[in-house]
Amino acid sequence: MADETPNESSQDMIRAMVSNAAFPCVGAKTALAQNDIRIVEARSIFCPADDHHILESLYSFIESFDGDKQTFRSLIVVFKDAETLPEEVFEKCLWKRLQALNTLDTCEWDKSVSSDPQDNNFSFSIGGRAFYVIGMHPGSSRKARQFAYPALVFNLHEQFEQLRSSGKYNSFRQLVRRRDIAFSGSSNPMLADFKAASEAIQYSGRQVDPNAWKCPFHAG
């Protein structure tokens, strides 16, 4: 079953990745420094066996979030698949797990965002709260998305709304993009400015044609 007390190896790998001085995501660095990265281990990204536990972990994560005090927090689900997956296979698995979580979730979709993945205002919703999801795996073509195992990073949208409210979001976004170019050697072609395109296309990290790509997710 899934485990919220991951072995030292998983914790060390997350810490080593994020604490790398060149790692581009400064939000993740802040969360790590504040001990605000929660790790949940699951057996396989292909398998639904741990979906219930992942969902309960997300509910607990939401309940513990204090928007007034904690700017950056993440929940990372690490799937212990030893196989390196092609990007297209990982993308399909990512959306299957999100579809399964949506099916199990009894809460209404966060009303501040759209449930239509083709809508520019789309965000994934669990427990009535919007999330930005980041997929990582060893076969990713983006260096910043490469990790030893398939993993899904769940970031509450509220964190980014706080940055927008304080007038810090644009500078934060530009800093991360500059660092990503330095780290990966090129800009991420799938990134779009806020609400300029659906964020669904960014979740897996795979480069696709925005005009041809169709998200397989359908909100229940």
N, C-alpha and C. Protein backbone atom coordinates (compact mmCIF):
# COMPACT_ATOMS: atom_id res chain seq x y z
N MET A 1 0.83 -1.20 0.00
CA MET A 1 0.00 0.00 0.00
C MET A 1 0.87 1.24 0.00
N ALA A 2 0.27 2.36 -0.26
CA ALA A 2 1.01 3.62 -0.26
C ALA A 2 1.51 3.93 1.13
N ASP A 3 2.58 4.71 1.20
CA ASP A 3 3.24 4.97 2.47
C ASP A 3 3.57 6.44 2.58
N GLU A 4 3.13 7.08 3.68
CA GLU A 4 3.45 8.49 3.90
C GLU A 4 4.71 8.65 4.72
N THR A 5 5.36 7.55 5.07
CA THR A 5 6.64 7.60 5.77
C THR A 5 7.67 6.93 4.87
N PRO A 6 8.05 7.60 3.79
CA PRO A 6 8.89 6.99 2.77
C PRO A 6 10.26 6.63 3.31
N ASN A 7 10.87 5.65 2.63
CA ASN A 7 12.19 5.26 3.09
C ASN A 7 13.19 6.38 2.84
N GLU A 8 14.33 6.24 3.47
CA GLU A 8 15.32 7.32 3.43
C GLU A 8 15.75 7.62 2.01
N SER A 9 15.76 6.60 1.16
CA SER A 9 16.20 6.79 -0.22
C SER A 9 15.31 7.79 -0.96
N SER A 10 14.00 7.65 -0.83
CA SER A 10 13.09 8.58 -1.51
C SER A 10 13.27 10.00 -0.99
N GLN A 11 13.34 10.15 0.31
CA GLN A 11 13.54 11.47 0.90
C GLN A 11 14.85 12.08 0.45
N ASP A 12 15.89 11.26 0.44
CA ASP A 12 17.21 11.76 0.04
C ASP A 12 17.23 12.17 -1.43
N MET A 13 16.54 11.41 -2.27
CA MET A 13 16.53 11.74 -3.70
C MET A 13 15.80 13.05 -3.96
N ILE A 14 14.68 13.26 -3.28
CA ILE A 14 13.95 14.52 -3.42
C ILE A 14 14.81 15.68 -2.92
N ARG A 15 15.41 15.48 -1.76
CA ARG A 15 16.25 16.53 -1.18
C ARG A 15 17.44 16.85 -2.09
N ALA A 16 18.08 15.82 -2.62
CA ALA A 16 19.24 16.03 -3.49
C ALA A 16 18.85 16.77 -4.76
N MET A 17 17.71 16.43 -5.33
CA MET A 17 17.26 17.08 -6.55
C MET A 17 16.98 18.56 -6.31
N VAL A 18 16.19 18.86 -5.29
CA VAL A 18 15.75 20.23 -5.05
C VAL A 18 16.88 21.10 -4.50
N SER A 19 17.76 20.51 -3.69
CA SER A 19 18.83 21.30 -3.07
C SER A 19 19.99 21.56 -4.02
N ASN A 20 20.00 20.92 -5.19
CA ASN A 20 21.00 21.23 -6.21
C ASN A 20 20.95 22.73 -6.48
N ALA A 21 22.08 23.40 -6.35
CA ALA A 21 22.11 24.86 -6.47
C ALA A 21 21.50 25.36 -7.78
N ALA A 22 21.60 24.56 -8.84
CA ALA A 22 21.11 24.99 -10.15
C ALA A 22 19.65 24.63 -10.39
N PHE A 23 19.04 23.85 -9.51
CA PHE A 23 17.64 23.43 -9.73
C PHE A 23 16.76 24.67 -9.87
N PRO A 24 15.95 24.75 -10.94
CA PRO A 24 15.31 26.03 -11.27
C PRO A 24 14.14 26.46 -10.39
N CYS A 25 13.43 25.52 -9.77
CA CYS A 25 12.21 25.90 -9.06
C CYS A 25 12.51 26.45 -7.67
N VAL A 26 12.49 27.76 -7.54
CA VAL A 26 12.80 28.39 -6.26
C VAL A 26 11.69 28.16 -5.25
N GLY A 27 10.46 27.92 -5.73
CA GLY A 27 9.37 27.60 -4.81
C GLY A 27 9.62 26.28 -4.10
N ALA A 28 10.09 25.28 -4.85
CA ALA A 28 10.42 23.99 -4.25
C ALA A 28 11.56 24.12 -3.26
N LYS A 29 12.52 24.98 -3.57
CA LYS A 29 13.64 25.19 -2.66
C LYS A 29 13.15 25.80 -1.34
N THR A 30 12.22 26.74 -1.43
CA THR A 30 11.66 27.34 -0.22
C THR A 30 10.90 26.30 0.59
N ALA A 31 10.09 25.47 -0.09
CA ALA A 31 9.33 24.43 0.59
C ALA A 31 10.26 23.44 1.29
N LEU A 32 11.36 23.07 0.62
CA LEU A 32 12.31 22.15 1.22
C LEU A 32 12.96 22.75 2.45
N ALA A 33 13.36 24.01 2.37
CA ALA A 33 14.00 24.69 3.49
C ALA A 33 13.07 24.78 4.69
N GLN A 34 11.76 24.87 4.43
CA GLN A 34 10.77 24.97 5.50
C GLN A 34 10.21 23.61 5.92
N ASN A 35 10.78 22.55 5.35
CA ASN A 35 10.31 21.18 5.63
C ASN A 35 8.83 21.04 5.26
N ASP A 36 8.44 21.64 4.14
CA ASP A 36 7.05 21.64 3.72
C ASP A 36 6.83 20.86 2.42
N ILE A 37 7.65 19.82 2.22
CA ILE A 37 7.41 18.89 1.13
C ILE A 37 6.97 17.57 1.74
N ARG A 38 5.76 17.15 1.43
CA ARG A 38 5.24 15.88 1.95
C ARG A 38 5.38 14.83 0.85
N ILE A 39 5.92 13.68 1.20
CA ILE A 39 6.16 12.61 0.23
C ILE A 39 5.27 11.42 0.54
N VAL A 40 4.60 10.92 -0.49
CA VAL A 40 3.77 9.72 -0.38
C VAL A 40 4.30 8.71 -1.40
N GLU A 41 4.60 7.51 -0.96
CA GLU A 41 5.07 6.48 -1.88
C GLU A 41 3.91 5.59 -2.30
N ALA A 42 3.90 5.20 -3.57
CA ALA A 42 2.91 4.28 -4.11
C ALA A 42 3.64 3.23 -4.95
N ARG A 43 2.96 2.12 -5.19
CA ARG A 43 3.65 1.00 -5.83
C ARG A 43 3.91 1.21 -7.33
N SER A 44 2.90 1.60 -8.07
CA SER A 44 3.08 1.73 -9.52
C SER A 44 2.12 2.77 -10.08
N ILE A 45 2.62 3.56 -11.01
CA ILE A 45 1.78 4.57 -11.65
C ILE A 45 0.77 3.92 -12.59
N PHE A 46 0.98 2.64 -12.92
CA PHE A 46 0.04 1.90 -13.76
C PHE A 46 -1.14 1.35 -12.95
N CYS A 47 -0.98 1.30 -11.63
CA CYS A 47 -1.88 0.53 -10.77
C CYS A 47 -2.78 1.41 -9.92
N PRO A 48 -4.08 1.08 -9.81
CA PRO A 48 -5.00 1.86 -8.98
C PRO A 48 -5.00 1.49 -7.51
N ALA A 49 -4.17 0.52 -7.11
CA ALA A 49 -4.25 -0.02 -5.76
C ALA A 49 -4.08 1.03 -4.67
N ASP A 50 -3.29 2.07 -4.92
CA ASP A 50 -3.00 3.08 -3.89
C ASP A 50 -3.79 4.37 -4.08
N ASP A 51 -4.73 4.39 -5.01
CA ASP A 51 -5.45 5.63 -5.30
C ASP A 51 -6.20 6.17 -4.08
N HIS A 52 -6.84 5.28 -3.32
CA HIS A 52 -7.58 5.73 -2.14
C HIS A 52 -6.65 6.41 -1.14
N HIS A 53 -5.49 5.81 -0.93
CA HIS A 53 -4.56 6.38 0.04
C HIS A 53 -3.99 7.71 -0.45
N ILE A 54 -3.71 7.79 -1.73
CA ILE A 54 -3.22 9.05 -2.31
C ILE A 54 -4.27 10.14 -2.12
N LEU A 55 -5.55 9.80 -2.37
CA LEU A 55 -6.63 10.76 -2.20
C LEU A 55 -6.72 11.24 -0.76
N GLU A 56 -6.66 10.30 0.19
CA GLU A 56 -6.74 10.68 1.60
C GLU A 56 -5.54 11.55 1.99
N SER A 57 -4.38 11.26 1.41
CA SER A 57 -3.19 12.07 1.69
C SER A 57 -3.37 13.49 1.17
N LEU A 58 -4.01 13.62 0.01
CA LEU A 58 -4.28 14.96 -0.53
C LEU A 58 -5.29 15.70 0.34
N TYR A 59 -6.31 15.00 0.82
CA TYR A 59 -7.26 15.64 1.74
C TYR A 59 -6.55 16.15 2.98
N SER A 60 -5.67 15.32 3.54
CA SER A 60 -4.92 15.72 4.74
C SER A 60 -4.01 16.91 4.44
N PHE A 61 -3.40 16.89 3.27
CA PHE A 61 -2.52 17.98 2.84
C PHE A 61 -3.29 19.29 2.76
N ILE A 62 -4.49 19.23 2.20
CA ILE A 62 -5.34 20.42 2.09
C ILE A 62 -5.71 20.95 3.46
N GLU A 63 -6.09 20.05 4.36
CA GLU A 63 -6.51 20.46 5.70
C GLU A 63 -5.38 21.13 6.47
N SER A 64 -4.15 20.71 6.20
CA SER A 64 -3.01 21.24 6.95
C SER A 64 -2.45 22.53 6.36
N PHE A 65 -2.97 22.93 5.19
CA PHE A 65 -2.44 24.11 4.52
C PHE A 65 -2.93 25.38 5.20
N ASP A 66 -2.01 26.22 5.57
CA ASP A 66 -2.33 27.52 6.17
C ASP A 66 -1.85 28.59 5.21
N GLY A 67 -2.77 29.12 4.42
CA GLY A 67 -2.40 30.08 3.39
C GLY A 67 -1.82 31.36 3.93
N ASP A 68 -2.09 31.67 5.19
CA ASP A 68 -1.57 32.91 5.77
C ASP A 68 -0.11 32.79 6.17
N LYS A 69 0.36 31.54 6.37
CA LYS A 69 1.70 31.37 6.93
C LYS A 69 2.66 30.65 6.00
N GLN A 70 2.16 29.80 5.12
CA GLN A 70 3.04 28.94 4.34
C GLN A 70 2.84 29.23 2.85
N THR A 71 3.81 29.88 2.26
CA THR A 71 3.68 30.28 0.86
C THR A 71 3.89 29.12 -0.09
N PHE A 72 4.85 28.25 0.19
CA PHE A 72 5.15 27.14 -0.71
C PHE A 72 5.09 25.81 0.04
N ARG A 73 4.22 24.92 -0.45
CA ARG A 73 4.13 23.56 0.06
C ARG A 73 3.81 22.65 -1.11
N SER A 74 4.32 21.44 -1.05
CA SER A 74 4.04 20.47 -2.12
C SER A 74 3.80 19.10 -1.52
N LEU A 75 2.93 18.33 -2.17
CA LEU A 75 2.80 16.91 -1.89
C LEU A 75 3.29 16.17 -3.13
N ILE A 76 4.24 15.27 -2.93
CA ILE A 76 4.83 14.52 -4.05
C ILE A 76 4.50 13.05 -3.89
N VAL A 77 3.82 12.48 -4.89
CA VAL A 77 3.55 11.05 -4.92
C VAL A 77 4.64 10.39 -5.77
N VAL A 78 5.41 9.51 -5.15
CA VAL A 78 6.50 8.81 -5.83
C VAL A 78 6.06 7.37 -6.09
N PHE A 79 6.01 6.99 -7.35
CA PHE A 79 5.63 5.63 -7.74
C PHE A 79 6.90 4.81 -7.94
N LYS A 80 6.98 3.66 -7.29
CA LYS A 80 8.24 2.91 -7.27
C LYS A 80 8.40 1.98 -8.47
N ASP A 81 8.06 2.47 -9.65
CA ASP A 81 8.30 1.73 -10.89
C ASP A 81 9.78 1.81 -11.24
N ALA A 82 10.39 0.66 -11.49
CA ALA A 82 11.81 0.65 -11.84
C ALA A 82 12.04 0.93 -13.32
N GLU A 83 11.02 0.77 -14.12
CA GLU A 83 11.12 0.92 -15.58
C GLU A 83 11.14 2.39 -15.98
N THR A 84 12.01 2.73 -16.94
CA THR A 84 12.00 4.07 -17.52
C THR A 84 10.95 4.13 -18.62
N LEU A 85 9.98 5.02 -18.45
CA LEU A 85 8.85 5.07 -19.37
C LEU A 85 9.08 6.10 -20.47
N PRO A 86 8.66 5.79 -21.70
CA PRO A 86 8.64 6.83 -22.74
C PRO A 86 7.71 7.95 -22.30
N GLU A 87 7.96 9.15 -22.81
CA GLU A 87 7.18 10.30 -22.37
C GLU A 87 5.69 10.14 -22.64
N GLU A 88 5.33 9.57 -23.76
CA GLU A 88 3.92 9.42 -24.09
C GLU A 88 3.23 8.44 -23.14
N VAL A 89 3.94 7.38 -22.76
CA VAL A 89 3.39 6.40 -21.82
C VAL A 89 3.21 7.04 -20.44
N PHE A 90 4.22 7.79 -20.01
CA PHE A 90 4.10 8.47 -18.72
C PHE A 90 2.92 9.43 -18.73
N GLU A 91 2.76 10.18 -19.81
CA GLU A 91 1.65 11.12 -19.89
C GLU A 91 0.30 10.41 -19.76
N LYS A 92 0.15 9.28 -20.43
CA LYS A 92 -1.10 8.52 -20.33
C LYS A 92 -1.33 8.04 -18.90
N CYS A 93 -0.26 7.58 -18.25
CA CYS A 93 -0.38 7.11 -16.86
C CYS A 93 -0.74 8.26 -15.92
N LEU A 94 -0.12 9.42 -16.13
CA LEU A 94 -0.43 10.59 -15.31
C LEU A 94 -1.92 10.89 -15.36
N TRP A 95 -2.48 10.94 -16.55
CA TRP A 95 -3.89 11.29 -16.67
C TRP A 95 -4.81 10.17 -16.19
N LYS A 96 -4.37 8.92 -16.28
CA LYS A 96 -5.17 7.83 -15.72
C LYS A 96 -5.26 7.94 -14.20
N ARG A 97 -4.14 8.29 -13.57
CA ARG A 97 -4.16 8.44 -12.11
C ARG A 97 -5.00 9.65 -11.72
N LEU A 98 -4.89 10.76 -12.44
CA LEU A 98 -5.70 11.93 -12.12
C LEU A 98 -7.18 11.64 -12.38
N GLN A 99 -7.47 10.89 -13.44
CA GLN A 99 -8.86 10.51 -13.72
C GLN A 99 -9.41 9.65 -12.59
N ALA A 100 -8.60 8.70 -12.12
CA ALA A 100 -9.04 7.81 -11.03
C ALA A 100 -9.26 8.59 -9.74
N LEU A 101 -8.39 9.52 -9.44
CA LEU A 101 -8.56 10.34 -8.23
C LEU A 101 -9.82 11.19 -8.33
N ASN A 102 -10.08 11.72 -9.51
CA ASN A 102 -11.30 12.51 -9.72
C ASN A 102 -12.55 11.65 -9.52
N THR A 103 -12.51 10.42 -9.98
CA THR A 103 -13.65 9.51 -9.83
C THR A 103 -13.92 9.22 -8.35
N LEU A 104 -12.87 9.08 -7.57
CA LEU A 104 -13.01 8.78 -6.14
C LEU A 104 -13.38 10.00 -5.32
N ASP A 105 -13.00 11.17 -5.79
CA ASP A 105 -13.22 12.41 -5.03
C ASP A 105 -14.71 12.73 -4.95
N THR A 106 -15.20 12.97 -3.74
CA THR A 106 -16.62 13.26 -3.53
C THR A 106 -16.91 14.76 -3.47
N CYS A 107 -15.89 15.58 -3.56
CA CYS A 107 -16.06 17.03 -3.44
C CYS A 107 -16.35 17.67 -4.79
N GLU A 108 -17.00 18.82 -4.77
CA GLU A 108 -17.25 19.56 -5.99
C GLU A 108 -15.95 20.17 -6.51
N TRP A 109 -15.93 20.43 -7.80
CA TRP A 109 -14.77 21.06 -8.44
C TRP A 109 -14.60 22.47 -7.88
N ASP A 110 -13.37 22.88 -7.68
CA ASP A 110 -13.09 24.23 -7.22
C ASP A 110 -13.74 25.23 -8.18
N LYS A 111 -14.62 26.06 -7.66
CA LYS A 111 -15.39 26.97 -8.51
C LYS A 111 -14.55 28.11 -9.10
N SER A 112 -13.34 28.29 -8.61
CA SER A 112 -12.49 29.36 -9.13
C SER A 112 -11.81 28.98 -10.44
N VAL A 113 -11.90 27.68 -10.81
CA VAL A 113 -11.24 27.21 -12.03
C VAL A 113 -12.21 26.35 -12.84
N SER A 114 -11.83 26.08 -14.09
CA SER A 114 -12.66 25.28 -14.98
C SER A 114 -12.30 23.80 -14.86
N SER A 115 -13.31 22.94 -15.07
CA SER A 115 -13.08 21.49 -15.08
C SER A 115 -12.82 20.97 -16.49
N ASP A 116 -12.87 21.85 -17.48
CA ASP A 116 -12.64 21.49 -18.88
C ASP A 116 -11.16 21.68 -19.20
N PRO A 117 -10.42 20.60 -19.48
CA PRO A 117 -8.98 20.72 -19.72
C PRO A 117 -8.62 21.50 -20.98
N GLN A 118 -9.60 21.79 -21.83
CA GLN A 118 -9.33 22.61 -23.02
C GLN A 118 -9.52 24.10 -22.72
N ASP A 119 -10.08 24.39 -21.56
CA ASP A 119 -10.34 25.78 -21.15
C ASP A 119 -9.06 26.40 -20.58
N ASN A 120 -8.80 27.64 -20.93
CA ASN A 120 -7.59 28.32 -20.43
C ASN A 120 -7.61 28.51 -18.92
N ASN A 121 -8.78 28.38 -18.30
CA ASN A 121 -8.90 28.53 -16.84
C ASN A 121 -8.93 27.19 -16.13
N PHE A 122 -8.52 26.12 -16.83
CA PHE A 122 -8.53 24.79 -16.21
C PHE A 122 -7.45 24.64 -15.16
N SER A 123 -7.79 23.97 -14.08
CA SER A 123 -6.84 23.43 -13.11
C SER A 123 -7.43 22.15 -12.55
N PHE A 124 -6.59 21.21 -12.21
CA PHE A 124 -7.08 19.98 -11.59
C PHE A 124 -7.58 20.28 -10.19
N SER A 125 -8.68 19.64 -9.81
CA SER A 125 -9.29 19.91 -8.51
C SER A 125 -9.46 18.62 -7.72
N ILE A 126 -9.07 18.68 -6.46
CA ILE A 126 -9.27 17.58 -5.51
C ILE A 126 -9.71 18.20 -4.19
N GLY A 127 -10.69 17.60 -3.56
CA GLY A 127 -11.13 18.12 -2.27
C GLY A 127 -11.68 19.53 -2.35
N GLY A 128 -12.17 19.91 -3.53
CA GLY A 128 -12.70 21.25 -3.72
C GLY A 128 -11.65 22.33 -3.87
N ARG A 129 -10.39 21.95 -4.06
CA ARG A 129 -9.30 22.92 -4.17
C ARG A 129 -8.51 22.68 -5.45
N ALA A 130 -8.13 23.76 -6.10
CA ALA A 130 -7.40 23.68 -7.36
C ALA A 130 -5.93 23.38 -7.12
N PHE A 131 -5.38 22.53 -7.99
CA PHE A 131 -3.97 22.15 -7.93
C PHE A 131 -3.32 22.33 -9.30
N TYR A 132 -2.05 22.71 -9.27
CA TYR A 132 -1.19 22.64 -10.46
C TYR A 132 -0.34 21.39 -10.29
N VAL A 133 -0.38 20.48 -11.26
CA VAL A 133 0.28 19.19 -11.15
C VAL A 133 1.51 19.17 -12.05
N ILE A 134 2.61 18.69 -11.50
CA ILE A 134 3.87 18.58 -12.25
C ILE A 134 4.28 17.11 -12.30
N GLY A 135 4.44 16.58 -13.50
CA GLY A 135 4.90 15.21 -13.66
C GLY A 135 6.42 15.16 -13.79
N MET A 136 7.02 14.18 -13.13
CA MET A 136 8.47 13.95 -13.23
C MET A 136 8.70 12.46 -13.46
N HIS A 137 9.74 12.14 -14.21
CA HIS A 137 10.09 10.73 -14.43
C HIS A 137 11.46 10.68 -15.09
N PRO A 138 12.13 9.52 -15.03
CA PRO A 138 13.50 9.44 -15.56
C PRO A 138 13.59 9.63 -17.06
N GLY A 139 12.50 9.41 -17.79
CA GLY A 139 12.54 9.53 -19.24
C GLY A 139 12.16 10.89 -19.77
N SER A 140 11.99 11.88 -18.90
CA SER A 140 11.58 13.21 -19.35
C SER A 140 12.66 13.87 -20.20
N SER A 141 12.24 14.56 -21.25
CA SER A 141 13.19 15.28 -22.10
C SER A 141 13.63 16.60 -21.47
N ARG A 142 12.89 17.07 -20.46
CA ARG A 142 13.26 18.29 -19.74
C ARG A 142 14.08 17.91 -18.52
N LYS A 143 15.28 18.44 -18.43
CA LYS A 143 16.18 18.10 -17.34
C LYS A 143 15.56 18.38 -15.98
N ALA A 144 14.82 19.48 -15.86
CA ALA A 144 14.22 19.84 -14.58
C ALA A 144 13.10 18.89 -14.18
N ARG A 145 12.60 18.09 -15.13
CA ARG A 145 11.52 17.13 -14.84
C ARG A 145 12.05 15.71 -14.63
N GLN A 146 13.35 15.53 -14.69
CA GLN A 146 13.90 14.19 -14.56
C GLN A 146 14.06 13.80 -13.09
N PHE A 147 13.54 12.60 -12.76
CA PHE A 147 13.63 12.07 -11.40
C PHE A 147 13.76 10.56 -11.51
N ALA A 148 14.30 9.93 -10.48
CA ALA A 148 14.60 8.50 -10.53
C ALA A 148 13.36 7.63 -10.72
N TYR A 149 12.22 8.10 -10.28
CA TYR A 149 10.96 7.35 -10.39
C TYR A 149 9.87 8.25 -10.97
N PRO A 150 8.82 7.65 -11.51
CA PRO A 150 7.66 8.48 -11.88
C PRO A 150 7.11 9.16 -10.63
N ALA A 151 6.76 10.41 -10.75
CA ALA A 151 6.26 11.16 -9.59
C ALA A 151 5.29 12.24 -10.05
N LEU A 152 4.33 12.54 -9.19
CA LEU A 152 3.38 13.62 -9.42
C LEU A 152 3.50 14.61 -8.28
N VAL A 153 3.75 15.86 -8.62
CA VAL A 153 3.88 16.93 -7.62
C VAL A 153 2.59 17.74 -7.63
N PHE A 154 1.95 17.83 -6.47
CA PHE A 154 0.70 18.58 -6.33
C PHE A 154 0.97 19.88 -5.60
N ASN A 155 0.72 21.00 -6.29
CA ASN A 155 0.89 22.33 -5.71
C ASN A 155 -0.46 23.05 -5.68
N LEU A 156 -0.88 23.50 -4.51
CA LEU A 156 -2.14 24.22 -4.41
C LEU A 156 -2.08 25.54 -5.18
N HIS A 157 -3.11 25.82 -5.95
CA HIS A 157 -3.18 27.07 -6.71
C HIS A 157 -3.14 28.29 -5.81
N GLU A 158 -3.61 28.14 -4.59
CA GLU A 158 -3.65 29.27 -3.66
C GLU A 158 -2.28 29.90 -3.47
N GLN A 159 -1.24 29.07 -3.56
CA GLN A 159 0.12 29.59 -3.39
C GLN A 159 0.44 30.63 -4.47
N PHE A 160 0.03 30.33 -5.70
CA PHE A 160 0.31 31.24 -6.81
C PHE A 160 -0.61 32.46 -6.76
N GLU A 161 -1.83 32.26 -6.28
CA GLU A 161 -2.74 33.40 -6.13
C GLU A 161 -2.22 34.38 -5.08
N GLN A 162 -1.58 33.86 -4.04
CA GLN A 162 -0.97 34.73 -3.03
C GLN A 162 0.12 35.58 -3.66
N LEU A 163 0.92 34.96 -4.54
CA LEU A 163 1.98 35.71 -5.21
C LEU A 163 1.39 36.79 -6.11
N ARG A 164 0.30 36.47 -6.81
CA ARG A 164 -0.34 37.47 -7.66
C ARG A 164 -0.90 38.61 -6.83
N SER A 165 -1.52 38.27 -5.70
CA SER A 165 -2.12 39.29 -4.84
C SER A 165 -1.06 40.24 -4.28
N SER A 166 0.13 39.71 -4.04
CA SER A 166 1.20 40.52 -3.47
C SER A 166 2.04 41.21 -4.54
N GLY A 167 1.71 40.97 -5.82
CA GLY A 167 2.45 41.59 -6.91
C GLY A 167 3.80 40.94 -7.20
N LYS A 168 4.00 39.72 -6.68
CA LYS A 168 5.30 39.05 -6.83
C LYS A 168 5.30 37.96 -7.89
N TYR A 169 4.14 37.66 -8.46
CA TYR A 169 4.06 36.49 -9.33
C TYR A 169 4.91 36.63 -10.59
N ASN A 170 4.84 37.76 -11.27
CA ASN A 170 5.57 37.93 -12.53
C ASN A 170 7.07 37.80 -12.34
N SER A 171 7.59 38.41 -11.28
CA SER A 171 9.03 38.31 -11.02
C SER A 171 9.41 36.89 -10.64
N PHE A 172 8.55 36.20 -9.88
CA PHE A 172 8.78 34.80 -9.53
C PHE A 172 8.82 33.93 -10.78
N ARG A 173 7.84 34.11 -11.66
CA ARG A 173 7.77 33.32 -12.89
C ARG A 173 8.99 33.55 -13.77
N GLN A 174 9.40 34.80 -13.93
CA GLN A 174 10.56 35.10 -14.77
C GLN A 174 11.84 34.53 -14.19
N LEU A 175 11.96 34.56 -12.87
CA LEU A 175 13.15 33.99 -12.23
C LEU A 175 13.23 32.49 -12.49
N VAL A 176 12.11 31.78 -12.31
CA VAL A 176 12.09 30.34 -12.55
C VAL A 176 12.41 30.03 -14.01
N ARG A 177 11.88 30.81 -14.93
CA ARG A 177 12.13 30.56 -16.36
C ARG A 177 13.59 30.81 -16.72
N ARG A 178 14.18 31.85 -16.16
CA ARG A 178 15.61 32.10 -16.43
C ARG A 178 16.47 30.97 -15.88
N ARG A 179 16.14 30.51 -14.69
CA ARG A 179 16.90 29.42 -14.09
C ARG A 179 16.71 28.12 -14.87
N ASP A 180 15.52 27.90 -15.40
CA ASP A 180 15.26 26.69 -16.17
C ASP A 180 16.06 26.69 -17.47
N ILE A 181 16.16 27.84 -18.11
CA ILE A 181 16.98 27.94 -19.32
C ILE A 181 18.43 27.63 -19.01
N ALA A 182 18.93 28.17 -17.91
CA ALA A 182 20.32 27.92 -17.51
C ALA A 182 20.54 26.46 -17.16
N PHE A 183 19.54 25.84 -16.52
CA PHE A 183 19.65 24.45 -16.06
C PHE A 183 19.48 23.45 -17.20
N SER A 184 18.50 23.71 -18.05
CA SER A 184 18.14 22.75 -19.10
C SER A 184 18.78 23.06 -20.45
N GLY A 185 19.29 24.28 -20.61
CA GLY A 185 19.94 24.65 -21.86
C GLY A 185 19.01 25.26 -22.88
N SER A 186 17.71 25.31 -22.57
CA SER A 186 16.74 25.91 -23.49
C SER A 186 15.49 26.26 -22.70
N SER A 187 14.65 27.11 -23.29
CA SER A 187 13.39 27.45 -22.64
C SER A 187 12.41 26.30 -22.80
N ASN A 188 11.46 26.21 -21.89
CA ASN A 188 10.44 25.17 -21.96
C ASN A 188 9.36 25.60 -22.96
N PRO A 189 9.25 24.92 -24.10
CA PRO A 189 8.31 25.37 -25.13
C PRO A 189 6.85 25.20 -24.74
N MET A 190 6.57 24.43 -23.67
CA MET A 190 5.19 24.18 -23.29
C MET A 190 4.66 25.18 -22.26
N LEU A 191 5.52 26.03 -21.75
CA LEU A 191 5.06 27.01 -20.77
C LEU A 191 4.31 28.13 -21.46
N ALA A 192 3.25 28.57 -20.81
CA ALA A 192 2.47 29.70 -21.32
C ALA A 192 2.20 30.64 -20.16
N ASP A 193 2.00 31.91 -20.47
CA ASP A 193 1.66 32.86 -19.43
C ASP A 193 0.30 32.52 -18.83
N PHE A 194 0.05 33.03 -17.65
CA PHE A 194 -1.16 32.74 -16.89
C PHE A 194 -2.41 32.93 -17.74
N LYS A 195 -3.19 31.84 -17.90
CA LYS A 195 -4.47 31.81 -18.62
C LYS A 195 -4.33 32.10 -20.12
N ALA A 196 -3.10 32.06 -20.64
CA ALA A 196 -2.92 32.21 -22.09
C ALA A 196 -3.23 30.90 -22.80
N ALA A 197 -3.18 29.79 -22.07
CA ALA A 197 -3.51 28.46 -22.58
C ALA A 197 -3.83 27.57 -21.39
N SER A 198 -4.47 26.44 -21.64
CA SER A 198 -4.77 25.52 -20.55
C SER A 198 -3.49 24.97 -19.95
N GLU A 199 -3.42 24.95 -18.62
CA GLU A 199 -2.22 24.41 -17.96
C GLU A 199 -2.15 22.89 -18.09
N ALA A 200 -3.23 22.23 -18.51
CA ALA A 200 -3.23 20.77 -18.63
C ALA A 200 -2.11 20.27 -19.53
N ILE A 201 -1.80 21.04 -20.57
CA ILE A 201 -0.79 20.64 -21.53
C ILE A 201 0.61 20.63 -20.92
N GLN A 202 0.77 21.30 -19.77
CA GLN A 202 2.07 21.40 -19.11
C GLN A 202 2.33 20.27 -18.11
N TYR A 203 1.29 19.57 -17.69
CA TYR A 203 1.42 18.65 -16.56
C TYR A 203 2.48 17.57 -16.77
N SER A 204 2.47 16.92 -17.93
CA SER A 204 3.37 15.77 -18.13
C SER A 204 4.80 16.18 -18.47
N GLY A 205 4.97 17.40 -19.00
CA GLY A 205 6.30 17.84 -19.40
C GLY A 205 6.67 17.44 -20.81
N ARG A 206 5.79 16.70 -21.49
CA ARG A 206 6.08 16.27 -22.86
C ARG A 206 5.79 17.40 -23.84
N GLN A 207 6.69 17.59 -24.82
CA GLN A 207 6.47 18.62 -25.83
C GLN A 207 5.48 18.11 -26.87
N VAL A 208 4.39 18.85 -27.05
CA VAL A 208 3.36 18.45 -28.00
C VAL A 208 2.93 19.66 -28.81
N ASP A 209 2.17 19.42 -29.86
CA ASP A 209 1.59 20.49 -30.66
C ASP A 209 0.32 20.97 -29.97
N PRO A 210 0.29 22.19 -29.46
CA PRO A 210 -0.89 22.67 -28.73
C PRO A 210 -2.17 22.64 -29.56
N ASN A 211 -2.04 22.73 -30.87
CA ASN A 211 -3.21 22.74 -31.74
C ASN A 211 -3.75 21.34 -32.01
N ALA A 212 -2.94 20.33 -31.76
CA ALA A 212 -3.35 18.95 -32.06
C ALA A 212 -3.59 18.12 -30.80
N TRP A 213 -2.95 18.49 -29.71
CA TRP A 213 -3.03 17.69 -28.47
C TRP A 213 -4.42 17.77 -27.84
N LYS A 214 -4.94 16.62 -27.45
CA LYS A 214 -6.23 16.56 -26.75
C LYS A 214 -6.03 15.88 -25.40
N CYS A 215 -6.46 16.54 -24.36
CA CYS A 215 -6.33 15.97 -23.03
C CYS A 215 -7.33 14.83 -22.86
N PRO A 216 -6.90 13.68 -22.34
CA PRO A 216 -7.81 12.54 -22.19
C PRO A 216 -8.70 12.62 -20.96
N PHE A 217 -8.52 13.65 -20.15
CA PHE A 217 -9.25 13.76 -18.88
C PHE A 217 -10.65 14.33 -19.08
N HIS A 218 -11.60 13.75 -18.34
CA HIS A 218 -12.98 14.26 -18.32
C HIS A 218 -13.44 14.29 -16.87
N ALA A 219 -13.77 15.47 -16.38
CA ALA A 219 -14.19 15.59 -14.99
C ALA A 219 -15.52 14.88 -14.77
N GLY A 220 -15.59 14.10 -13.67
CA GLY A 220 -16.81 13.36 -13.36
C GLY A 220 -17.80 14.19 -12.58
